[in-house]
Amino acid sequence: MPKVVVIVEGGVVREVISDDPEVEVLVLDRDEGGVSEEMLLQNVLGDTAALDALEQGRVKVDVLRTHQAYQDVYRERRKQRN
């Protein structure tokens, strides 16, 4: 199963990585703050979406970092449960 990691910093999508070059990812940003009118799409699943976030959501294939992110999250979740 393909894996995808969306990295968000300061409320902005900074990077989208995956272990599969064929995967497609669509990042919808519902936060309209600070976005000009021409950068908004008006009816995406019944609401507005910021175009800048959609453009930033281009997938970079990085198998090692994708798998490392999943492993790190699983490890940290196990720590929280103990």
N, C-alpha and C. Protein backbone atom coordinates (compact mmCIF):
# COMPACT_ATOMS: atom_id res chain seq x y z
N MET A 1 0.84 -1.17 0.00
CA MET A 1 0.00 0.00 0.00
C MET A 1 0.89 1.25 0.00
N PRO A 2 0.64 2.18 -0.91
CA PRO A 2 1.44 3.40 -0.95
C PRO A 2 1.27 4.21 0.32
N LYS A 3 2.35 4.86 0.72
CA LYS A 3 2.33 5.72 1.90
C LYS A 3 2.62 7.16 1.49
N VAL A 4 1.95 8.11 2.17
CA VAL A 4 2.11 9.52 1.89
C VAL A 4 2.30 10.25 3.21
N VAL A 5 3.20 11.23 3.23
CA VAL A 5 3.41 12.08 4.39
C VAL A 5 3.24 13.53 3.95
N VAL A 6 2.35 14.25 4.63
CA VAL A 6 2.14 15.67 4.37
C VAL A 6 2.76 16.43 5.54
N ILE A 7 3.75 17.26 5.24
CA ILE A 7 4.46 18.02 6.27
C ILE A 7 3.93 19.45 6.27
N VAL A 8 3.37 19.85 7.43
CA VAL A 8 2.77 21.17 7.59
C VAL A 8 3.56 21.93 8.64
N GLU A 9 3.94 23.16 8.32
CA GLU A 9 4.62 24.05 9.28
C GLU A 9 3.96 25.41 9.23
N GLY A 10 3.59 25.91 10.38
CA GLY A 10 2.96 27.23 10.42
C GLY A 10 1.65 27.29 9.66
N GLY A 11 0.95 26.18 9.60
CA GLY A 11 -0.33 26.14 8.90
C GLY A 11 -0.21 26.05 7.39
N VAL A 12 1.01 25.85 6.88
CA VAL A 12 1.24 25.79 5.44
C VAL A 12 1.85 24.45 5.08
N VAL A 13 1.36 23.85 4.00
CA VAL A 13 1.95 22.61 3.51
C VAL A 13 3.34 22.94 2.98
N ARG A 14 4.35 22.34 3.59
CA ARG A 14 5.73 22.59 3.18
C ARG A 14 6.26 21.51 2.25
N GLU A 15 5.75 20.29 2.44
CA GLU A 15 6.28 19.18 1.65
C GLU A 15 5.30 18.02 1.69
N VAL A 16 5.20 17.31 0.58
CA VAL A 16 4.44 16.07 0.50
C VAL A 16 5.38 15.03 -0.08
N ILE A 17 5.60 13.95 0.68
CA ILE A 17 6.50 12.89 0.21
C ILE A 17 5.75 11.57 0.18
N SER A 18 6.22 10.66 -0.66
CA SER A 18 5.60 9.35 -0.80
C SER A 18 6.65 8.33 -1.16
N ASP A 19 6.28 7.07 -0.99
CA ASP A 19 7.17 5.98 -1.40
C ASP A 19 6.77 5.42 -2.76
N ASP A 20 5.79 6.05 -3.42
CA ASP A 20 5.27 5.54 -4.69
C ASP A 20 5.18 6.66 -5.72
N PRO A 21 5.88 6.55 -6.84
CA PRO A 21 5.84 7.61 -7.84
C PRO A 21 4.49 7.74 -8.54
N GLU A 22 3.63 6.74 -8.41
CA GLU A 22 2.33 6.76 -9.08
C GLU A 22 1.21 7.34 -8.21
N VAL A 23 1.50 7.64 -6.95
CA VAL A 23 0.47 8.14 -6.05
C VAL A 23 0.13 9.59 -6.38
N GLU A 24 -1.13 9.95 -6.24
CA GLU A 24 -1.57 11.33 -6.39
C GLU A 24 -2.11 11.79 -5.06
N VAL A 25 -1.79 13.02 -4.68
CA VAL A 25 -2.23 13.58 -3.42
C VAL A 25 -2.87 14.93 -3.70
N LEU A 26 -4.01 15.16 -3.07
CA LEU A 26 -4.68 16.44 -3.18
C LEU A 26 -4.79 17.01 -1.77
N VAL A 27 -4.18 18.15 -1.53
CA VAL A 27 -4.22 18.80 -0.22
C VAL A 27 -5.20 19.97 -0.33
N LEU A 28 -6.26 19.92 0.47
CA LEU A 28 -7.25 20.99 0.47
C LEU A 28 -7.07 21.83 1.72
N ASP A 29 -6.85 23.11 1.54
CA ASP A 29 -6.68 24.04 2.66
C ASP A 29 -7.96 24.86 2.79
N ARG A 30 -8.68 24.66 3.87
CA ARG A 30 -9.94 25.37 4.10
C ARG A 30 -9.73 26.72 4.79
N ASP A 31 -8.53 27.02 5.21
CA ASP A 31 -8.23 28.28 5.88
C ASP A 31 -8.02 29.35 4.82
N GLU A 32 -8.92 30.31 4.79
CA GLU A 32 -8.87 31.36 3.77
C GLU A 32 -8.09 32.58 4.22
N GLY A 33 -7.62 32.62 5.44
CA GLY A 33 -6.94 33.78 5.98
C GLY A 33 -5.72 34.16 5.17
N GLY A 34 -5.65 35.41 4.76
CA GLY A 34 -4.49 35.92 4.05
C GLY A 34 -4.38 35.48 2.60
N VAL A 35 -5.43 34.85 2.07
CA VAL A 35 -5.40 34.39 0.69
C VAL A 35 -6.22 35.34 -0.16
N SER A 36 -5.63 35.79 -1.28
CA SER A 36 -6.35 36.71 -2.17
C SER A 36 -7.48 35.97 -2.89
N GLU A 37 -8.48 36.72 -3.29
CA GLU A 37 -9.68 36.15 -3.93
C GLU A 37 -9.34 35.29 -5.16
N GLU A 38 -8.36 35.73 -5.95
CA GLU A 38 -8.03 34.96 -7.16
C GLU A 38 -7.32 33.64 -6.86
N MET A 39 -6.87 33.45 -5.61
CA MET A 39 -6.21 32.20 -5.23
C MET A 39 -7.18 31.19 -4.61
N LEU A 40 -8.49 31.54 -4.56
CA LEU A 40 -9.46 30.64 -3.97
C LEU A 40 -10.28 29.93 -5.04
N LEU A 41 -10.48 28.64 -4.85
CA LEU A 41 -11.41 27.86 -5.67
C LEU A 41 -12.70 27.81 -4.87
N GLN A 42 -13.82 28.14 -5.50
CA GLN A 42 -15.06 28.37 -4.75
C GLN A 42 -15.85 27.12 -4.39
N ASN A 43 -15.78 26.05 -5.15
CA ASN A 43 -16.65 24.92 -4.87
C ASN A 43 -15.88 23.61 -4.98
N VAL A 44 -15.09 23.31 -3.98
CA VAL A 44 -14.36 22.04 -3.91
C VAL A 44 -14.96 21.26 -2.74
N LEU A 45 -15.68 20.22 -3.05
CA LEU A 45 -16.42 19.45 -2.04
C LEU A 45 -17.33 20.36 -1.22
N GLY A 46 -17.95 21.32 -1.90
CA GLY A 46 -18.93 22.18 -1.27
C GLY A 46 -18.40 23.36 -0.50
N ASP A 47 -17.11 23.64 -0.58
CA ASP A 47 -16.54 24.76 0.17
C ASP A 47 -15.35 25.32 -0.61
N THR A 48 -14.77 26.41 -0.09
CA THR A 48 -13.62 27.00 -0.76
C THR A 48 -12.33 26.27 -0.38
N ALA A 49 -11.35 26.38 -1.25
CA ALA A 49 -10.03 25.80 -1.00
C ALA A 49 -8.98 26.76 -1.53
N ALA A 50 -7.91 26.95 -0.76
CA ALA A 50 -6.84 27.86 -1.16
C ALA A 50 -5.96 27.21 -2.22
N LEU A 51 -5.79 27.87 -3.34
CA LEU A 51 -5.01 27.34 -4.46
C LEU A 51 -3.54 27.20 -4.11
N ASP A 52 -2.99 28.08 -3.29
CA ASP A 52 -1.57 27.99 -2.97
C ASP A 52 -1.25 26.67 -2.28
N ALA A 53 -2.10 26.19 -1.41
CA ALA A 53 -1.86 24.91 -0.74
C ALA A 53 -1.95 23.76 -1.74
N LEU A 54 -2.85 23.87 -2.70
CA LEU A 54 -2.97 22.81 -3.71
C LEU A 54 -1.69 22.73 -4.54
N GLU A 55 -1.14 23.88 -4.89
CA GLU A 55 0.08 23.90 -5.68
C GLU A 55 1.27 23.37 -4.90
N GLN A 56 1.32 23.63 -3.60
CA GLN A 56 2.44 23.18 -2.79
C GLN A 56 2.38 21.69 -2.51
N GLY A 57 1.24 21.07 -2.75
CA GLY A 57 1.07 19.67 -2.43
C GLY A 57 1.60 18.71 -3.47
N ARG A 58 2.58 19.12 -4.23
CA ARG A 58 3.18 18.22 -5.23
C ARG A 58 4.01 17.17 -4.52
N VAL A 59 3.86 15.94 -4.96
CA VAL A 59 4.50 14.81 -4.29
C VAL A 59 5.95 14.65 -4.75
N LYS A 60 6.83 14.51 -3.77
CA LYS A 60 8.23 14.16 -4.04
C LYS A 60 8.38 12.70 -3.62
N VAL A 61 8.95 11.89 -4.48
CA VAL A 61 9.18 10.49 -4.12
C VAL A 61 10.45 10.42 -3.29
N ASP A 62 10.28 9.96 -2.05
CA ASP A 62 11.39 9.80 -1.12
C ASP A 62 11.04 8.61 -0.22
N VAL A 63 11.39 7.44 -0.70
CA VAL A 63 11.02 6.19 -0.02
C VAL A 63 11.58 6.15 1.40
N LEU A 64 12.85 6.47 1.56
CA LEU A 64 13.48 6.38 2.88
C LEU A 64 12.83 7.32 3.90
N ARG A 65 12.64 8.58 3.54
CA ARG A 65 12.04 9.54 4.48
C ARG A 65 10.58 9.21 4.77
N THR A 66 9.86 8.72 3.77
CA THR A 66 8.46 8.34 3.97
C THR A 66 8.37 7.21 4.99
N HIS A 67 9.15 6.16 4.79
CA HIS A 67 9.12 5.02 5.71
C HIS A 67 9.64 5.42 7.09
N GLN A 68 10.64 6.29 7.14
CA GLN A 68 11.17 6.74 8.43
C GLN A 68 10.11 7.52 9.19
N ALA A 69 9.35 8.35 8.51
CA ALA A 69 8.29 9.12 9.17
C ALA A 69 7.26 8.19 9.79
N TYR A 70 6.85 7.17 9.05
CA TYR A 70 5.88 6.20 9.59
C TYR A 70 6.48 5.47 10.79
N GLN A 71 7.70 5.02 10.68
CA GLN A 71 8.34 4.31 11.79
C GLN A 71 8.45 5.20 13.02
N ASP A 72 8.84 6.45 12.83
CA ASP A 72 8.97 7.38 13.95
C ASP A 72 7.62 7.60 14.64
N VAL A 73 6.56 7.78 13.85
CA VAL A 73 5.24 7.99 14.42
C VAL A 73 4.79 6.75 15.20
N TYR A 74 4.97 5.56 14.62
CA TYR A 74 4.58 4.33 15.32
C TYR A 74 5.35 4.19 16.63
N ARG A 75 6.66 4.48 16.61
CA ARG A 75 7.49 4.39 17.81
C ARG A 75 7.01 5.36 18.89
N GLU A 76 6.75 6.60 18.50
CA GLU A 76 6.34 7.61 19.47
C GLU A 76 4.95 7.30 20.04
N ARG A 77 4.07 6.77 19.23
CA ARG A 77 2.74 6.39 19.71
C ARG A 77 2.83 5.27 20.73
N ARG A 78 3.72 4.30 20.49
CA ARG A 78 3.92 3.21 21.44
C ARG A 78 4.42 3.76 22.77
N LYS A 79 5.34 4.74 22.72
CA LYS A 79 5.85 5.36 23.94
C LYS A 79 4.72 6.02 24.73
N GLN A 80 3.82 6.70 24.04
CA GLN A 80 2.73 7.39 24.70
C GLN A 80 1.78 6.42 25.40
N ARG A 81 1.63 5.25 24.85
CA ARG A 81 0.70 4.27 25.42
C ARG A 81 1.28 3.56 26.63
N ASN A 82 2.59 3.60 26.79
CA ASN A 82 3.23 2.91 27.92
C ASN A 82 3.41 3.80 29.11
